[in-house]
């Protein structure tokens, strides 16, 4: 699996998934921070923590993934973003998330494998 050295923030409501994602990504060399919801993730970024990529569940309590994404962009945070969802089809929260003519953040479908997670994270980090 492709290694990395960047800092990632995992925002996931399901308590088992951030643990698995953190463990997998740390083994690959990433520094990984975890939060239980969008508010906690936003607080981490507002505290000045440098994050290269946010891996966020779309459906979370208090502040969902789309609201987190929009708040980060409104505040000028430039971290790359990767949504994760077990919802079939296009999750309603992702519809119209990008500006006309732009492509919104990529999506990693749940349940994912360690290989799928590692490859998608690397792909998003290396994208222009």
C-alpha atoms as a PDB file:
ATOM      1  CA  UNK A   1       0.000   0.000   0.000  1.00  0.00           C
ATOM      2  CA  UNK A   2       1.253   3.504  -0.715  1.00  0.00           C
ATOM      3  CA  UNK A   3       2.836   5.204   2.306  1.00  0.00           C
ATOM      4  CA  UNK A   4       2.455   8.845   3.275  1.00  0.00           C
ATOM      5  CA  UNK A   5       3.732  11.437   5.706  1.00  0.00           C
ATOM      6  CA  UNK A   6       0.897  13.969   5.661  1.00  0.00           C
ATOM      7  CA  UNK A   7      -1.454  14.879   8.510  1.00  0.00           C
ATOM      8  CA  UNK A   8      -5.010  13.605   8.181  1.00  0.00           C
ATOM      9  CA  UNK A   9      -8.136  14.373  10.184  1.00  0.00           C
ATOM     10  CA  UNK A  10     -10.732  11.598  10.348  1.00  0.00           C
ATOM     11  CA  UNK A  11     -14.263  12.736  11.274  1.00  0.00           C
ATOM     12  CA  UNK A  12     -16.528   9.729  11.717  1.00  0.00           C
ATOM     13  CA  UNK A  13     -19.629   9.137  13.836  1.00  0.00           C
ATOM     14  CA  UNK A  14     -19.322   5.320  13.940  1.00  0.00           C
ATOM     15  CA  UNK A  15     -16.832   4.655  16.771  1.00  0.00           C
ATOM     16  CA  UNK A  16     -15.348   1.539  15.110  1.00  0.00           C
ATOM     17  CA  UNK A  17     -14.456   3.198  11.801  1.00  0.00           C
ATOM     18  CA  UNK A  18     -12.182   5.994  13.011  1.00  0.00           C
ATOM     19  CA  UNK A  19     -10.239   3.455  15.057  1.00  0.00           C
ATOM     20  CA  UNK A  20      -9.757   1.228  12.011  1.00  0.00           C
ATOM     21  CA  UNK A  21      -8.930   4.153   9.708  1.00  0.00           C
ATOM     22  CA  UNK A  22      -6.492   5.656  12.209  1.00  0.00           C
ATOM     23  CA  UNK A  23      -4.713   2.331  12.693  1.00  0.00           C
ATOM     24  CA  UNK A  24      -4.418   1.653   8.947  1.00  0.00           C
ATOM     25  CA  UNK A  25      -3.272   5.157   8.058  1.00  0.00           C
ATOM     26  CA  UNK A  26      -0.780   5.397  10.921  1.00  0.00           C
ATOM     27  CA  UNK A  27       0.829   2.132   9.784  1.00  0.00           C
ATOM     28  CA  UNK A  28       1.322   3.778   6.398  1.00  0.00           C
ATOM     29  CA  UNK A  29       3.203   6.692   7.994  1.00  0.00           C
ATOM     30  CA  UNK A  30       0.481   9.346   8.245  1.00  0.00           C
ATOM     31  CA  UNK A  31      -0.126  11.468  11.318  1.00  0.00           C
ATOM     32  CA  UNK A  32      -3.809  10.925  12.048  1.00  0.00           C
ATOM     33  CA  UNK A  33      -6.169  12.924  14.235  1.00  0.00           C
ATOM     34  CA  UNK A  34      -9.689  11.665  14.959  1.00  0.00           C
ATOM     35  CA  UNK A  35     -12.942  13.406  15.819  1.00  0.00           C
ATOM     36  CA  UNK A  36     -16.418  12.058  16.557  1.00  0.00           C
ATOM     37  CA  UNK A  37     -18.343  14.650  14.570  1.00  0.00           C
ATOM     38  CA  UNK A  38     -18.105  17.728  12.383  1.00  0.00           C
ATOM     39  CA  UNK A  39     -18.082  20.193  15.281  1.00  0.00           C
ATOM     40  CA  UNK A  40     -15.117  18.467  16.888  1.00  0.00           C
ATOM     41  CA  UNK A  41     -13.283  18.352  13.553  1.00  0.00           C
ATOM     42  CA  UNK A  42     -13.963  22.032  12.933  1.00  0.00           C
ATOM     43  CA  UNK A  43     -12.636  22.848  16.413  1.00  0.00           C
ATOM     44  CA  UNK A  44      -9.404  20.992  15.652  1.00  0.00           C
ATOM     45  CA  UNK A  45      -8.877  23.013  12.482  1.00  0.00           C
ATOM     46  CA  UNK A  46      -9.866  26.287  14.137  1.00  0.00           C
ATOM     47  CA  UNK A  47      -7.204  25.607  16.779  1.00  0.00           C
ATOM     48  CA  UNK A  48      -4.612  26.008  14.034  1.00  0.00           C
ATOM     49  CA  UNK A  49      -3.744  22.359  13.538  1.00  0.00           C
ATOM     50  CA  UNK A  50      -2.268  21.902  10.065  1.00  0.00           C
ATOM     51  CA  UNK A  51      -4.184  19.189   8.217  1.00  0.00           C
ATOM     52  CA  UNK A  52      -3.508  18.049   4.658  1.00  0.00           C
ATOM     53  CA  UNK A  53      -6.676  15.992   4.193  1.00  0.00           C
ATOM     54  CA  UNK A  54     -10.007  15.647   5.984  1.00  0.00           C
ATOM     55  CA  UNK A  55     -11.690  12.240   5.697  1.00  0.00           C
ATOM     56  CA  UNK A  56     -15.274  12.877   6.767  1.00  0.00           C
ATOM     57  CA  UNK A  57     -18.367  10.772   7.097  1.00  0.00           C
ATOM     58  CA  UNK A  58     -21.274  12.526   5.414  1.00  0.00           C
ATOM     59  CA  UNK A  59     -23.866  11.669   8.058  1.00  0.00           C
ATOM     60  CA  UNK A  60     -22.743  12.790  11.510  1.00  0.00           C
ATOM     61  CA  UNK A  61     -24.484  14.325  14.506  1.00  0.00           C
ATOM     62  CA  UNK A  62     -24.242  18.058  15.296  1.00  0.00           C
ATOM     63  CA  UNK A  63     -22.512  19.000  12.000  1.00  0.00           C
ATOM     64  CA  UNK A  64     -22.645  16.654   9.027  1.00  0.00           C
ATOM     65  CA  UNK A  65     -19.861  16.251   6.493  1.00  0.00           C
ATOM     66  CA  UNK A  66     -21.301  18.716   4.026  1.00  0.00           C
ATOM     67  CA  UNK A  67     -21.693  21.400   6.716  1.00  0.00           C
ATOM     68  CA  UNK A  68     -18.107  20.718   7.830  1.00  0.00           C
ATOM     69  CA  UNK A  69     -16.838  21.043   4.260  1.00  0.00           C
ATOM     70  CA  UNK A  70     -18.732  24.290   3.698  1.00  0.00           C
ATOM     71  CA  UNK A  71     -17.577  25.780   7.027  1.00  0.00           C
ATOM     72  CA  UNK A  72     -13.937  24.935   6.270  1.00  0.00           C
ATOM     73  CA  UNK A  73     -14.095  26.495   2.830  1.00  0.00           C
ATOM     74  CA  UNK A  74     -15.901  29.592   4.156  1.00  0.00           C
ATOM     75  CA  UNK A  75     -13.126  30.026   6.728  1.00  0.00           C
ATOM     76  CA  UNK A  76     -10.400  29.646   4.109  1.00  0.00           C
ATOM     77  CA  UNK A  77      -9.065  26.215   5.108  1.00  0.00           C
ATOM     78  CA  UNK A  78      -7.400  24.599   2.105  1.00  0.00           C
ATOM     79  CA  UNK A  79      -7.153  20.997   3.333  1.00  0.00           C
ATOM     80  CA  UNK A  80      -8.154  18.446   0.740  1.00  0.00           C
ATOM     81  CA  UNK A  81     -11.405  16.665   1.467  1.00  0.00           C
ATOM     82  CA  UNK A  82     -12.630  13.093   1.074  1.00  0.00           C
ATOM     83  CA  UNK A  83     -16.180  12.082   1.981  1.00  0.00           C
ATOM     84  CA  UNK A  84     -17.085   8.612   3.193  1.00  0.00           C
ATOM     85  CA  UNK A  85     -20.587   7.150   3.070  1.00  0.00           C
ATOM     86  CA  UNK A  86     -22.451   3.887   3.225  1.00  0.00           C
ATOM     87  CA  UNK A  87     -25.444   5.492   1.534  1.00  0.00           C
ATOM     88  CA  UNK A  88     -26.320   3.926  -1.819  1.00  0.00           C
ATOM     89  CA  UNK A  89     -26.281   6.261  -4.811  1.00  0.00           C
ATOM     90  CA  UNK A  90     -25.397   9.918  -4.386  1.00  0.00           C
ATOM     91  CA  UNK A  91     -25.983  10.973  -0.780  1.00  0.00           C
ATOM     92  CA  UNK A  92     -28.421  13.906  -0.621  1.00  0.00           C
ATOM     93  CA  UNK A  93     -25.875  15.902   1.364  1.00  0.00           C
ATOM     94  CA  UNK A  94     -23.462  15.797  -1.588  1.00  0.00           C
ATOM     95  CA  UNK A  95     -25.897  17.099  -4.195  1.00  0.00           C
ATOM     96  CA  UNK A  96     -24.922  20.608  -5.307  1.00  0.00           C
ATOM     97  CA  UNK A  97     -21.965  20.787  -2.899  1.00  0.00           C
ATOM     98  CA  UNK A  98     -19.690  22.227  -5.559  1.00  0.00           C
ATOM     99  CA  UNK A  99     -19.946  25.397  -7.546  1.00  0.00           C
ATOM    100  CA  UNK A 100     -21.375  25.112 -11.084  1.00  0.00           C
ATOM    101  CA  UNK A 101     -18.734  23.693 -13.402  1.00  0.00           C
ATOM    102  CA  UNK A 102     -16.630  22.303 -10.546  1.00  0.00           C
ATOM    103  CA  UNK A 103     -16.326  18.757  -9.283  1.00  0.00           C
ATOM    104  CA  UNK A 104     -17.109  18.272  -5.581  1.00  0.00           C
ATOM    105  CA  UNK A 105     -15.021  16.305  -3.119  1.00  0.00           C
ATOM    106  CA  UNK A 106     -14.403  12.640  -3.908  1.00  0.00           C
ATOM    107  CA  UNK A 107     -16.355   9.884  -2.170  1.00  0.00           C
ATOM    108  CA  UNK A 108     -15.115   6.667  -0.560  1.00  0.00           C
ATOM    109  CA  UNK A 109     -17.906   4.104  -0.238  1.00  0.00           C
ATOM    110  CA  UNK A 110     -18.400   2.150   2.993  1.00  0.00           C
ATOM    111  CA  UNK A 111     -17.577  -0.478   3.816  1.00  0.00           C
ATOM    112  CA  UNK A 112     -14.079   0.112   2.499  1.00  0.00           C
ATOM    113  CA  UNK A 113     -11.064  -2.161   2.672  1.00  0.00           C
ATOM    114  CA  UNK A 114      -7.648  -1.100   3.926  1.00  0.00           C
ATOM    115  CA  UNK A 115      -6.435  -1.099   0.324  1.00  0.00           C
ATOM    116  CA  UNK A 116      -9.333   1.056  -0.897  1.00  0.00           C
ATOM    117  CA  UNK A 117      -8.778   3.531   1.944  1.00  0.00           C
ATOM    118  CA  UNK A 118      -5.028   3.762   1.366  1.00  0.00           C
ATOM    119  CA  UNK A 119      -5.317   4.147  -2.404  1.00  0.00           C
ATOM    120  CA  UNK A 120      -8.109   6.744  -2.258  1.00  0.00           C
ATOM    121  CA  UNK A 121      -6.325   8.849   0.375  1.00  0.00           C
ATOM    122  CA  UNK A 122      -3.144   8.829  -1.702  1.00  0.00           C
ATOM    123  CA  UNK A 123      -5.089   9.661  -4.874  1.00  0.00           C
ATOM    124  CA  UNK A 124      -6.765  12.671  -3.238  1.00  0.00           C
ATOM    125  CA  UNK A 125      -3.531  13.916  -1.691  1.00  0.00           C
ATOM    126  CA  UNK A 126      -1.713  13.745  -5.031  1.00  0.00           C
ATOM    127  CA  UNK A 127      -4.508  15.363  -7.036  1.00  0.00           C
ATOM    128  CA  UNK A 128      -3.848  18.957  -8.145  1.00  0.00           C
END
